[in-house]
Amino acid sequence: MRKIILMCNAGMSTSILVGKVREAAKNMGYDCTIDAYPVNEAEERAKDADIVLLGPQVRFEQKRIQAKLDCPVSIIDMAAYGMVNGKKVLEDIKKELGD
């Protein structure tokens, strides 16, 4: 089971996207947990994650967060984020993880 964490400033906008990604994972039969948190909780919430995805508005935090975690830290595709396209986000996650 993969642990996927989405992060933005307060965890609110990515929370909306989480529901769509969970739906896509269920439809694809992809075994994972998906949660959203504020970017300032990265060390605490994502220490055992398989991947962390940052909302485009906090992409400037990528290097700082990557330095603190042992998993990939990627930026959510801006178009997929704006369209709340959970399927596209999940496809990008699977590609990044090699699943």
PDB file of N, CA and C in Angstrom:
ATOM      1  N   MET A   1       0.843  -1.186   0.000  1.00  0.00           N
ATOM      2  CA  MET A   1       0.000   0.000   0.000  1.00  0.00           C
ATOM      3  C   MET A   1       0.885   1.245   0.000  1.00  0.00           C
ATOM      4  N   ARG A   2       0.605   2.124  -0.916  1.00  0.00           N
ATOM      5  CA  ARG A   2       1.355   3.371  -1.031  1.00  0.00           C
ATOM      6  C   ARG A   2       0.742   4.453  -0.137  1.00  0.00           C
ATOM      7  N   LYS A   3       1.604   5.278   0.428  1.00  0.00           N
ATOM      8  CA  LYS A   3       1.154   6.424   1.222  1.00  0.00           C
ATOM      9  C   LYS A   3       1.476   7.681   0.431  1.00  0.00           C
ATOM     10  N   ILE A   4       0.411   8.403   0.046  1.00  0.00           N
ATOM     11  CA  ILE A   4       0.533   9.596  -0.787  1.00  0.00           C
ATOM     12  C   ILE A   4       0.074  10.806   0.026  1.00  0.00           C
ATOM     13  N   ILE A   5       0.891  11.845   0.026  1.00  0.00           N
ATOM     14  CA  ILE A   5       0.570  13.071   0.761  1.00  0.00           C
ATOM     15  C   ILE A   5       0.546  14.237  -0.218  1.00  0.00           C
ATOM     16  N   LEU A   6      -0.535  15.013  -0.179  1.00  0.00           N
ATOM     17  CA  LEU A   6      -0.648  16.246  -0.948  1.00  0.00           C
ATOM     18  C   LEU A   6      -0.542  17.402   0.028  1.00  0.00           C
ATOM     19  N   MET A   7       0.157  18.452  -0.378  1.00  0.00           N
ATOM     20  CA  MET A   7       0.353  19.592   0.517  1.00  0.00           C
ATOM     21  C   MET A   7       0.153  20.909  -0.220  1.00  0.00           C
ATOM     22  N   CYS A   8      -0.415  21.868   0.513  1.00  0.00           N
ATOM     23  CA  CYS A   8      -0.544  23.240   0.026  1.00  0.00           C
ATOM     24  C   CYS A   8      -0.378  24.161   1.235  1.00  0.00           C
ATOM     25  N   ASN A   9      -0.715  25.421   1.097  1.00  0.00           N
ATOM     26  CA  ASN A   9      -0.515  26.355   2.205  1.00  0.00           C
ATOM     27  C   ASN A   9      -1.223  25.919   3.484  1.00  0.00           C
ATOM     28  N   ALA A  10      -2.511  25.630   3.386  1.00  0.00           N
ATOM     29  CA  ALA A  10      -3.276  25.263   4.576  1.00  0.00           C
ATOM     30  C   ALA A  10      -3.860  23.860   4.490  1.00  0.00           C
ATOM     31  N   GLY A  11      -3.644  23.169   3.396  1.00  0.00           N
ATOM     32  CA  GLY A  11      -4.203  21.834   3.231  1.00  0.00           C
ATOM     33  C   GLY A  11      -5.641  21.841   2.741  1.00  0.00           C
ATOM     34  N   MET A  12      -6.184  23.009   2.467  1.00  0.00           N
ATOM     35  CA  MET A  12      -7.591  23.111   2.082  1.00  0.00           C
ATOM     36  C   MET A  12      -7.808  22.824   0.595  1.00  0.00           C
ATOM     37  N   SER A  13      -7.059  23.474  -0.279  1.00  0.00           N
ATOM     38  CA  SER A  13      -7.297  23.258  -1.709  1.00  0.00           C
ATOM     39  C   SER A  13      -6.905  21.845  -2.122  1.00  0.00           C
ATOM     40  N   THR A  14      -5.864  21.302  -1.525  1.00  0.00           N
ATOM     41  CA  THR A  14      -5.499  19.933  -1.859  1.00  0.00           C
ATOM     42  C   THR A  14      -6.481  18.932  -1.261  1.00  0.00           C
ATOM     43  N   SER A  15      -7.192  19.310  -0.213  1.00  0.00           N
ATOM     44  CA  SER A  15      -8.207  18.420   0.363  1.00  0.00           C
ATOM     45  C   SER A  15      -9.310  18.117  -0.649  1.00  0.00           C
ATOM     46  N   ILE A  16      -9.661  19.089  -1.442  1.00  0.00           N
ATOM     47  CA  ILE A  16     -10.669  18.895  -2.481  1.00  0.00           C
ATOM     48  C   ILE A  16     -10.144  17.896  -3.512  1.00  0.00           C
ATOM     49  N   LEU A  17      -8.900  18.047  -3.893  1.00  0.00           N
ATOM     50  CA  LEU A  17      -8.289  17.160  -4.875  1.00  0.00           C
ATOM     51  C   LEU A  17      -8.141  15.733  -4.336  1.00  0.00           C
ATOM     52  N   VAL A  18      -7.896  15.591  -3.054  1.00  0.00           N
ATOM     53  CA  VAL A  18      -7.734  14.264  -2.447  1.00  0.00           C
ATOM     54  C   VAL A  18      -8.934  13.370  -2.743  1.00  0.00           C
ATOM     55  N   GLY A  19     -10.132  13.904  -2.619  1.00  0.00           N
ATOM     56  CA  GLY A  19     -11.337  13.112  -2.888  1.00  0.00           C
ATOM     57  C   GLY A  19     -11.354  12.574  -4.304  1.00  0.00           C
ATOM     58  N   LYS A  20     -10.938  13.396  -5.253  1.00  0.00           N
ATOM     59  CA  LYS A  20     -10.907  12.976  -6.656  1.00  0.00           C
ATOM     60  C   LYS A  20      -9.806  11.939  -6.912  1.00  0.00           C
ATOM     61  N   VAL A  21      -8.668  12.100  -6.250  1.00  0.00           N
ATOM     62  CA  VAL A  21      -7.585  11.124  -6.417  1.00  0.00           C
ATOM     63  C   VAL A  21      -7.984   9.797  -5.771  1.00  0.00           C
ATOM     64  N   ARG A  22      -8.629   9.854  -4.610  1.00  0.00           N
ATOM     65  CA  ARG A  22      -9.113   8.625  -3.965  1.00  0.00           C
ATOM     66  C   ARG A  22     -10.108   7.887  -4.866  1.00  0.00           C
ATOM     67  N   GLU A  23     -10.998   8.638  -5.477  1.00  0.00           N
ATOM     68  CA  GLU A  23     -11.979   8.050  -6.394  1.00  0.00           C
ATOM     69  C   GLU A  23     -11.276   7.372  -7.571  1.00  0.00           C
ATOM     70  N   ALA A  24     -10.282   8.047  -8.144  1.00  0.00           N
ATOM     71  CA  ALA A  24      -9.532   7.474  -9.260  1.00  0.00           C
ATOM     72  C   ALA A  24      -8.794   6.212  -8.818  1.00  0.00           C
ATOM     73  N   ALA A  25      -8.204   6.225  -7.618  1.00  0.00           N
ATOM     74  CA  ALA A  25      -7.481   5.053  -7.104  1.00  0.00           C
ATOM     75  C   ALA A  25      -8.431   3.873  -6.931  1.00  0.00           C
ATOM     76  N   LYS A  26      -9.615   4.144  -6.423  1.00  0.00           N
ATOM     77  CA  LYS A  26     -10.605   3.082  -6.240  1.00  0.00           C
ATOM     78  C   LYS A  26     -10.995   2.492  -7.602  1.00  0.00           C
ATOM     79  N   ASN A  27     -11.244   3.361  -8.581  1.00  0.00           N
ATOM     80  CA  ASN A  27     -11.628   2.907  -9.922  1.00  0.00           C
ATOM     81  C   ASN A  27     -10.523   2.110 -10.604  1.00  0.00           C
ATOM     82  N   MET A  28      -9.262   2.434 -10.295  1.00  0.00           N
ATOM     83  CA  MET A  28      -8.131   1.736 -10.909  1.00  0.00           C
ATOM     84  C   MET A  28      -7.667   0.530 -10.090  1.00  0.00           C
ATOM     85  N   GLY A  29      -8.235   0.379  -8.891  1.00  0.00           N
ATOM     86  CA  GLY A  29      -7.800  -0.708  -8.018  1.00  0.00           C
ATOM     87  C   GLY A  29      -6.394  -0.489  -7.476  1.00  0.00           C
ATOM     88  N   TYR A  30      -6.017   0.772  -7.287  1.00  0.00           N
ATOM     89  CA  TYR A  30      -4.682   1.134  -6.798  1.00  0.00           C
ATOM     90  C   TYR A  30      -4.722   1.235  -5.278  1.00  0.00           C
ATOM     91  N   ASP A  31      -3.937   0.406  -4.613  1.00  0.00           N
ATOM     92  CA  ASP A  31      -3.938   0.314  -3.157  1.00  0.00           C
ATOM     93  C   ASP A  31      -3.084   1.427  -2.545  1.00  0.00           C
ATOM     94  N   CYS A  32      -3.750   2.418  -1.958  1.00  0.00           N
ATOM     95  CA  CYS A  32      -3.018   3.547  -1.391  1.00  0.00           C
ATOM     96  C   CYS A  32      -3.868   4.289  -0.373  1.00  0.00           C
ATOM     97  N   THR A  33      -3.184   5.090   0.432  1.00  0.00           N
ATOM     98  CA  THR A  33      -3.847   6.076   1.275  1.00  0.00           C
ATOM     99  C   THR A  33      -3.441   7.438   0.729  1.00  0.00           C
ATOM    100  N   ILE A  34      -4.363   8.375   0.769  1.00  0.00           N
ATOM    101  CA  ILE A  34      -4.113   9.713   0.232  1.00  0.00           C
ATOM    102  C   ILE A  34      -4.669  10.724   1.222  1.00  0.00           C
ATOM    103  N   ASP A  35      -3.816  11.635   1.663  1.00  0.00           N
ATOM    104  CA  ASP A  35      -4.239  12.659   2.605  1.00  0.00           C
ATOM    105  C   ASP A  35      -3.637  14.003   2.214  1.00  0.00           C
ATOM    106  N   ALA A  36      -4.217  15.071   2.748  1.00  0.00           N
ATOM    107  CA  ALA A  36      -3.731  16.429   2.479  1.00  0.00           C
ATOM    108  C   ALA A  36      -3.434  17.137   3.796  1.00  0.00           C
ATOM    109  N   TYR A  37      -2.351  17.890   3.799  1.00  0.00           N
ATOM    110  CA  TYR A  37      -1.922  18.626   4.987  1.00  0.00           C
ATOM    111  C   TYR A  37      -1.304  19.953   4.567  1.00  0.00           C
ATOM    112  N   PRO A  38      -1.176  20.874   5.527  1.00  0.00           N
ATOM    113  CA  PRO A  38      -0.458  22.114   5.251  1.00  0.00           C
ATOM    114  C   PRO A  38       1.033  21.824   5.046  1.00  0.00           C
ATOM    115  N   VAL A  39       1.662  22.577   4.185  1.00  0.00           N
ATOM    116  CA  VAL A  39       3.070  22.365   3.856  1.00  0.00           C
ATOM    117  C   VAL A  39       3.961  22.514   5.087  1.00  0.00           C
ATOM    118  N   ASN A  40       3.564  23.302   6.061  1.00  0.00           N
ATOM    119  CA  ASN A  40       4.402  23.481   7.246  1.00  0.00           C
ATOM    120  C   ASN A  40       4.391  22.253   8.163  1.00  0.00           C
ATOM    121  N   GLU A  41       3.595  21.230   7.836  1.00  0.00           N
ATOM    122  CA  GLU A  41       3.574  19.989   8.608  1.00  0.00           C
ATOM    123  C   GLU A  41       4.286  18.846   7.868  1.00  0.00           C
ATOM    124  N   ALA A  42       5.090  19.179   6.871  1.00  0.00           N
ATOM    125  CA  ALA A  42       5.720  18.159   6.019  1.00  0.00           C
ATOM    126  C   ALA A  42       6.552  17.161   6.814  1.00  0.00           C
ATOM    127  N   GLU A  43       7.416  17.634   7.677  1.00  0.00           N
ATOM    128  CA  GLU A  43       8.284  16.714   8.425  1.00  0.00           C
ATOM    129  C   GLU A  43       7.481  15.748   9.288  1.00  0.00           C
ATOM    130  N   GLU A  44       6.482  16.247   9.942  1.00  0.00           N
ATOM    131  CA  GLU A  44       5.670  15.429  10.846  1.00  0.00           C
ATOM    132  C   GLU A  44       4.753  14.466  10.084  1.00  0.00           C
ATOM    133  N   ARG A  45       4.087  14.938   9.064  1.00  0.00           N
ATOM    134  CA  ARG A  45       3.052  14.162   8.373  1.00  0.00           C
ATOM    135  C   ARG A  45       3.569  13.255   7.263  1.00  0.00           C
ATOM    136  N   ALA A  46       4.715  13.587   6.687  1.00  0.00           N
ATOM    137  CA  ALA A  46       5.163  12.868   5.498  1.00  0.00           C
ATOM    138  C   ALA A  46       6.442  12.062   5.708  1.00  0.00           C
ATOM    139  N   LYS A  47       6.855  11.870   6.943  1.00  0.00           N
ATOM    140  CA  LYS A  47       8.128  11.184   7.188  1.00  0.00           C
ATOM    141  C   LYS A  47       8.149   9.748   6.664  1.00  0.00           C
ATOM    142  N   ASP A  48       6.981   9.089   6.569  1.00  0.00           N
ATOM    143  CA  ASP A  48       6.941   7.719   6.056  1.00  0.00           C
ATOM    144  C   ASP A  48       6.138   7.605   4.758  1.00  0.00           C
ATOM    145  N   ALA A  49       5.994   8.724   4.059  1.00  0.00           N
ATOM    146  CA  ALA A  49       5.247   8.730   2.797  1.00  0.00           C
ATOM    147  C   ALA A  49       6.068   8.106   1.670  1.00  0.00           C
ATOM    148  N   ASP A  50       5.369   7.596   0.663  1.00  0.00           N
ATOM    149  CA  ASP A  50       6.031   7.107  -0.543  1.00  0.00           C
ATOM    150  C   ASP A  50       6.283   8.246  -1.524  1.00  0.00           C
ATOM    151  N   ILE A  51       5.417   9.259  -1.466  1.00  0.00           N
ATOM    152  CA  ILE A  51       5.567  10.430  -2.331  1.00  0.00           C
ATOM    153  C   ILE A  51       4.799  11.595  -1.710  1.00  0.00           C
ATOM    154  N   VAL A  52       5.327  12.789  -1.905  1.00  0.00           N
ATOM    155  CA  VAL A  52       4.668  14.023  -1.484  1.00  0.00           C
ATOM    156  C   VAL A  52       4.465  14.865  -2.735  1.00  0.00           C
ATOM    157  N   LEU A  53       3.257  15.367  -2.895  1.00  0.00           N
ATOM    158  CA  LEU A  53       2.963  16.262  -4.008  1.00  0.00           C
ATOM    159  C   LEU A  53       2.579  17.622  -3.454  1.00  0.00           C
ATOM    160  N   LEU A  54       3.188  18.651  -4.014  1.00  0.00           N
ATOM    161  CA  LEU A  54       2.920  20.024  -3.590  1.00  0.00           C
ATOM    162  C   LEU A  54       1.997  20.707  -4.576  1.00  0.00           C
ATOM    163  N   GLY A  55       1.065  21.485  -4.040  1.00  0.00           N
ATOM    164  CA  GLY A  55       0.230  22.316  -4.888  1.00  0.00           C
ATOM    165  C   GLY A  55       1.108  23.329  -5.606  1.00  0.00           C
ATOM    166  N   PRO A  56       0.725  23.711  -6.828  1.00  0.00           N
ATOM    167  CA  PRO A  56       1.549  24.648  -7.611  1.00  0.00           C
ATOM    168  C   PRO A  56       1.867  25.946  -6.877  1.00  0.00           C
ATOM    169  N   GLN A  57       0.975  26.384  -5.993  1.00  0.00           N
ATOM    170  CA  GLN A  57       1.191  27.647  -5.292  1.00  0.00           C
ATOM    171  C   GLN A  57       2.302  27.569  -4.243  1.00  0.00           C
ATOM    172  N   VAL A  58       2.736  26.359  -3.875  1.00  0.00           N
ATOM    173  CA  VAL A  58       3.832  26.208  -2.914  1.00  0.00           C
ATOM    174  C   VAL A  58       5.031  25.479  -3.532  1.00  0.00           C
ATOM    175  N   ARG A  59       5.135  25.505  -4.842  1.00  0.00           N
ATOM    176  CA  ARG A  59       6.232  24.813  -5.525  1.00  0.00           C
ATOM    177  C   ARG A  59       7.600  25.326  -5.076  1.00  0.00           C
ATOM    178  N   PHE A  60       7.665  26.572  -4.621  1.00  0.00           N
ATOM    179  CA  PHE A  60       8.927  27.141  -4.149  1.00  0.00           C
ATOM    180  C   PHE A  60       9.452  26.426  -2.902  1.00  0.00           C
ATOM    181  N   GLU A  61       8.610  25.619  -2.245  1.00  0.00           N
ATOM    182  CA  GLU A  61       9.000  24.870  -1.044  1.00  0.00           C
ATOM    183  C   GLU A  61       9.639  23.518  -1.377  1.00  0.00           C
ATOM    184  N   GLN A  62       9.671  23.132  -2.652  1.00  0.00           N
ATOM    185  CA  GLN A  62      10.091  21.783  -3.028  1.00  0.00           C
ATOM    186  C   GLN A  62      11.487  21.425  -2.508  1.00  0.00           C
ATOM    187  N   LYS A  63      12.473  22.240  -2.749  1.00  0.00           N
ATOM    188  CA  LYS A  63      13.836  21.921  -2.324  1.00  0.00           C
ATOM    189  C   LYS A  63      13.945  21.810  -0.809  1.00  0.00           C
ATOM    190  N   ARG A  64      13.297  22.703  -0.098  1.00  0.00           N
ATOM    191  CA  ARG A  64      13.358  22.687   1.367  1.00  0.00           C
ATOM    192  C   ARG A  64      12.742  21.404   1.918  1.00  0.00           C
ATOM    193  N   ILE A  65      11.590  21.029   1.391  1.00  0.00           N
ATOM    194  CA  ILE A  65      10.907  19.826   1.871  1.00  0.00           C
ATOM    195  C   ILE A  65      11.659  18.574   1.429  1.00  0.00           C
ATOM    196  N   GLN A  66      12.147  18.562   0.206  1.00  0.00           N
ATOM    197  CA  GLN A  66      12.895  17.394  -0.274  1.00  0.00           C
ATOM    198  C   GLN A  66      14.103  17.115   0.612  1.00  0.00           C
ATOM    199  N   ALA A  67      14.746  18.158   1.098  1.00  0.00           N
ATOM    200  CA  ALA A  67      15.922  17.993   1.955  1.00  0.00           C
ATOM    201  C   ALA A  67      15.579  17.325   3.281  1.00  0.00           C
ATOM    202  N   LYS A  68      14.320  17.382   3.682  1.00  0.00           N
ATOM    203  CA  LYS A  68      13.902  16.833   4.974  1.00  0.00           C
ATOM    204  C   LYS A  68      13.280  15.444   4.872  1.00  0.00           C
ATOM    205  N   LEU A  69      12.974  14.993   3.657  1.00  0.00           N
ATOM    206  CA  LEU A  69      12.273  13.718   3.478  1.00  0.00           C
ATOM    207  C   LEU A  69      13.084  12.755   2.625  1.00  0.00           C
ATOM    208  N   ASP A  70      12.776  11.475   2.766  1.00  0.00           N
ATOM    209  CA  ASP A  70      13.465  10.435   1.998  1.00  0.00           C
ATOM    210  C   ASP A  70      12.653   9.935   0.807  1.00  0.00           C
ATOM    211  N   CYS A  71      11.563  10.613   0.477  1.00  0.00           N
ATOM    212  CA  CYS A  71      10.711  10.196  -0.634  1.00  0.00           C
ATOM    213  C   CYS A  71      10.716  11.293  -1.700  1.00  0.00           C
ATOM    214  N   PRO A  72      10.243  10.968  -2.906  1.00  0.00           N
ATOM    215  CA  PRO A  72      10.142  12.010  -3.937  1.00  0.00           C
ATOM    216  C   PRO A  72       9.171  13.118  -3.510  1.00  0.00           C
ATOM    217  N   VAL A  73       9.521  14.340  -3.841  1.00  0.00           N
ATOM    218  CA  VAL A  73       8.649  15.495  -3.617  1.00  0.00           C
ATOM    219  C   VAL A  73       8.444  16.139  -4.980  1.00  0.00           C
ATOM    220  N   SER A  74       7.215  16.058  -5.486  1.00  0.00           N
ATOM    221  CA  SER A  74       6.892  16.547  -6.824  1.00  0.00           C
ATOM    222  C   SER A  74       5.860  17.665  -6.755  1.00  0.00           C
ATOM    223  N   ILE A  75       5.722  18.355  -7.856  1.00  0.00           N
ATOM    224  CA  ILE A  75       4.737  19.422  -7.981  1.00  0.00           C
ATOM    225  C   ILE A  75       3.545  18.874  -8.755  1.00  0.00           C
ATOM    226  N   ILE A  76       2.346  19.123  -8.269  1.00  0.00           N
ATOM    227  CA  ILE A  76       1.133  18.699  -8.967  1.00  0.00           C
ATOM    228  C   ILE A  76       1.013  19.504 -10.256  1.00  0.00           C
ATOM    229  N   ASP A  77       0.749  18.807 -11.345  1.00  0.00           N
ATOM    230  CA  ASP A  77       0.544  19.456 -12.634  1.00  0.00           C
ATOM    231  C   ASP A  77      -0.500  20.573 -12.486  1.00  0.00           C
ATOM    232  N   MET A  78      -0.143  21.771 -12.942  1.00  0.00           N
ATOM    233  CA  MET A  78      -1.003  22.937 -12.743  1.00  0.00           C
ATOM    234  C   MET A  78      -2.383  22.770 -13.381  1.00  0.00           C
ATOM    235  N   ALA A  79      -2.438  22.229 -14.583  1.00  0.00           N
ATOM    236  CA  ALA A  79      -3.730  22.036 -15.254  1.00  0.00           C
ATOM    237  C   ALA A  79      -4.576  21.007 -14.510  1.00  0.00           C
ATOM    238  N   ALA A  80      -3.960  19.908 -14.089  1.00  0.00           N
ATOM    239  CA  ALA A  80      -4.692  18.877 -13.350  1.00  0.00           C
ATOM    240  C   ALA A  80      -5.178  19.423 -12.012  1.00  0.00           C
ATOM    241  N   TYR A  81      -4.353  20.247 -11.383  1.00  0.00           N
ATOM    242  CA  TYR A  81      -4.724  20.867 -10.113  1.00  0.00           C
ATOM    243  C   TYR A  81      -5.929  21.798 -10.297  1.00  0.00           C
ATOM    244  N   GLY A  82      -5.836  22.649 -11.306  1.00  0.00           N
ATOM    245  CA  GLY A  82      -6.903  23.616 -11.566  1.00  0.00           C
ATOM    246  C   GLY A  82      -8.218  22.968 -11.961  1.00  0.00           C
ATOM    247  N   MET A  83      -8.136  21.855 -12.684  1.00  0.00           N
ATOM    248  CA  MET A  83      -9.336  21.144 -13.132  1.00  0.00           C
ATOM    249  C   MET A  83      -9.788  20.087 -12.120  1.00  0.00           C
ATOM    250  N   VAL A  84      -9.054  19.971 -11.021  1.00  0.00           N
ATOM    251  CA  VAL A  84      -9.321  18.955  -9.987  1.00  0.00           C
ATOM    252  C   VAL A  84      -9.439  17.570 -10.652  1.00  0.00           C
ATOM    253  N   ASN A  85      -8.436  17.264 -11.484  1.00  0.00           N
ATOM    254  CA  ASN A  85      -8.416  16.032 -12.260  1.00  0.00           C
ATOM    255  C   ASN A  85      -7.660  14.947 -11.481  1.00  0.00           C
ATOM    256  N   GLY A  86      -8.387  14.243 -10.638  1.00  0.00           N
ATOM    257  CA  GLY A  86      -7.796  13.206  -9.799  1.00  0.00           C
ATOM    258  C   GLY A  86      -7.159  12.088 -10.583  1.00  0.00           C
ATOM    259  N   LYS A  87      -7.751  11.727 -11.700  1.00  0.00           N
ATOM    260  CA  LYS A  87      -7.208  10.650 -12.528  1.00  0.00           C
ATOM    261  C   LYS A  87      -5.826  11.021 -13.060  1.00  0.00           C
ATOM    262  N   LYS A  88      -5.664  12.224 -13.579  1.00  0.00           N
ATOM    263  CA  LYS A  88      -4.378  12.685 -14.097  1.00  0.00           C
ATOM    264  C   LYS A  88      -3.341  12.742 -12.982  1.00  0.00           C
ATOM    265  N   VAL A  89      -3.729  13.253 -11.828  1.00  0.00           N
ATOM    266  CA  VAL A  89      -2.802  13.335 -10.697  1.00  0.00           C
ATOM    267  C   VAL A  89      -2.348  11.933 -10.302  1.00  0.00           C
ATOM    268  N   LEU A  90      -3.280  10.980 -10.229  1.00  0.00           N
ATOM    269  CA  LEU A  90      -2.919   9.616  -9.861  1.00  0.00           C
ATOM    270  C   LEU A  90      -2.020   8.980 -10.926  1.00  0.00           C
ATOM    271  N   GLU A  91      -2.300   9.212 -12.179  1.00  0.00           N
ATOM    272  CA  GLU A  91      -1.440   8.691 -13.246  1.00  0.00           C
ATOM    273  C   GLU A  91      -0.022   9.231 -13.108  1.00  0.00           C
ATOM    274  N   ASP A  92       0.101  10.517 -12.774  1.00  0.00           N
ATOM    275  CA  ASP A  92       1.420  11.116 -12.576  1.00  0.00           C
ATOM    276  C   ASP A  92       2.126  10.490 -11.363  1.00  0.00           C
ATOM    277  N   ILE A  93       1.377  10.229 -10.306  1.00  0.00           N
ATOM    278  CA  ILE A  93       1.940   9.595  -9.105  1.00  0.00           C
ATOM    279  C   ILE A  93       2.464   8.201  -9.453  1.00  0.00           C
ATOM    280  N   LYS A  94       1.642   7.428 -10.124  1.00  0.00           N
ATOM    281  CA  LYS A  94       2.037   6.068 -10.490  1.00  0.00           C
ATOM    282  C   LYS A  94       3.291   6.074 -11.372  1.00  0.00           C
ATOM    283  N   LYS A  95       3.349   7.010 -12.291  1.00  0.00           N
ATOM    284  CA  LYS A  95       4.511   7.113 -13.175  1.00  0.00           C
ATOM    285  C   LYS A  95       5.762   7.457 -12.358  1.00  0.00           C
ATOM    286  N   GLU A  96       5.634   8.421 -11.456  1.00  0.00           N
ATOM    287  CA  GLU A  96       6.771   8.839 -10.623  1.00  0.00           C
ATOM    288  C   GLU A  96       7.271   7.681  -9.749  1.00  0.00           C
ATOM    289  N   LEU A  97       6.353   6.877  -9.244  1.00  0.00           N
ATOM    290  CA  LEU A  97       6.719   5.757  -8.367  1.00  0.00           C
ATOM    291  C   LEU A  97       7.069   4.479  -9.128  1.00  0.00           C
ATOM    292  N   GLY A  98       6.848   4.481 -10.428  1.00  0.00           N
ATOM    293  CA  GLY A  98       7.133   3.288 -11.223  1.00  0.00           C
ATOM    294  C   GLY A  98       6.133   2.182 -11.038  1.00  0.00           C
ATOM    295  N   ASP A  99       4.915   2.535 -10.662  1.00  0.00           N
ATOM    296  CA  ASP A  99       3.846   1.540 -10.447  1.00  0.00           C
ATOM    297  C   ASP A  99       3.003   1.329 -11.702  1.00  0.00           C
TER     298      ASP A  99
END
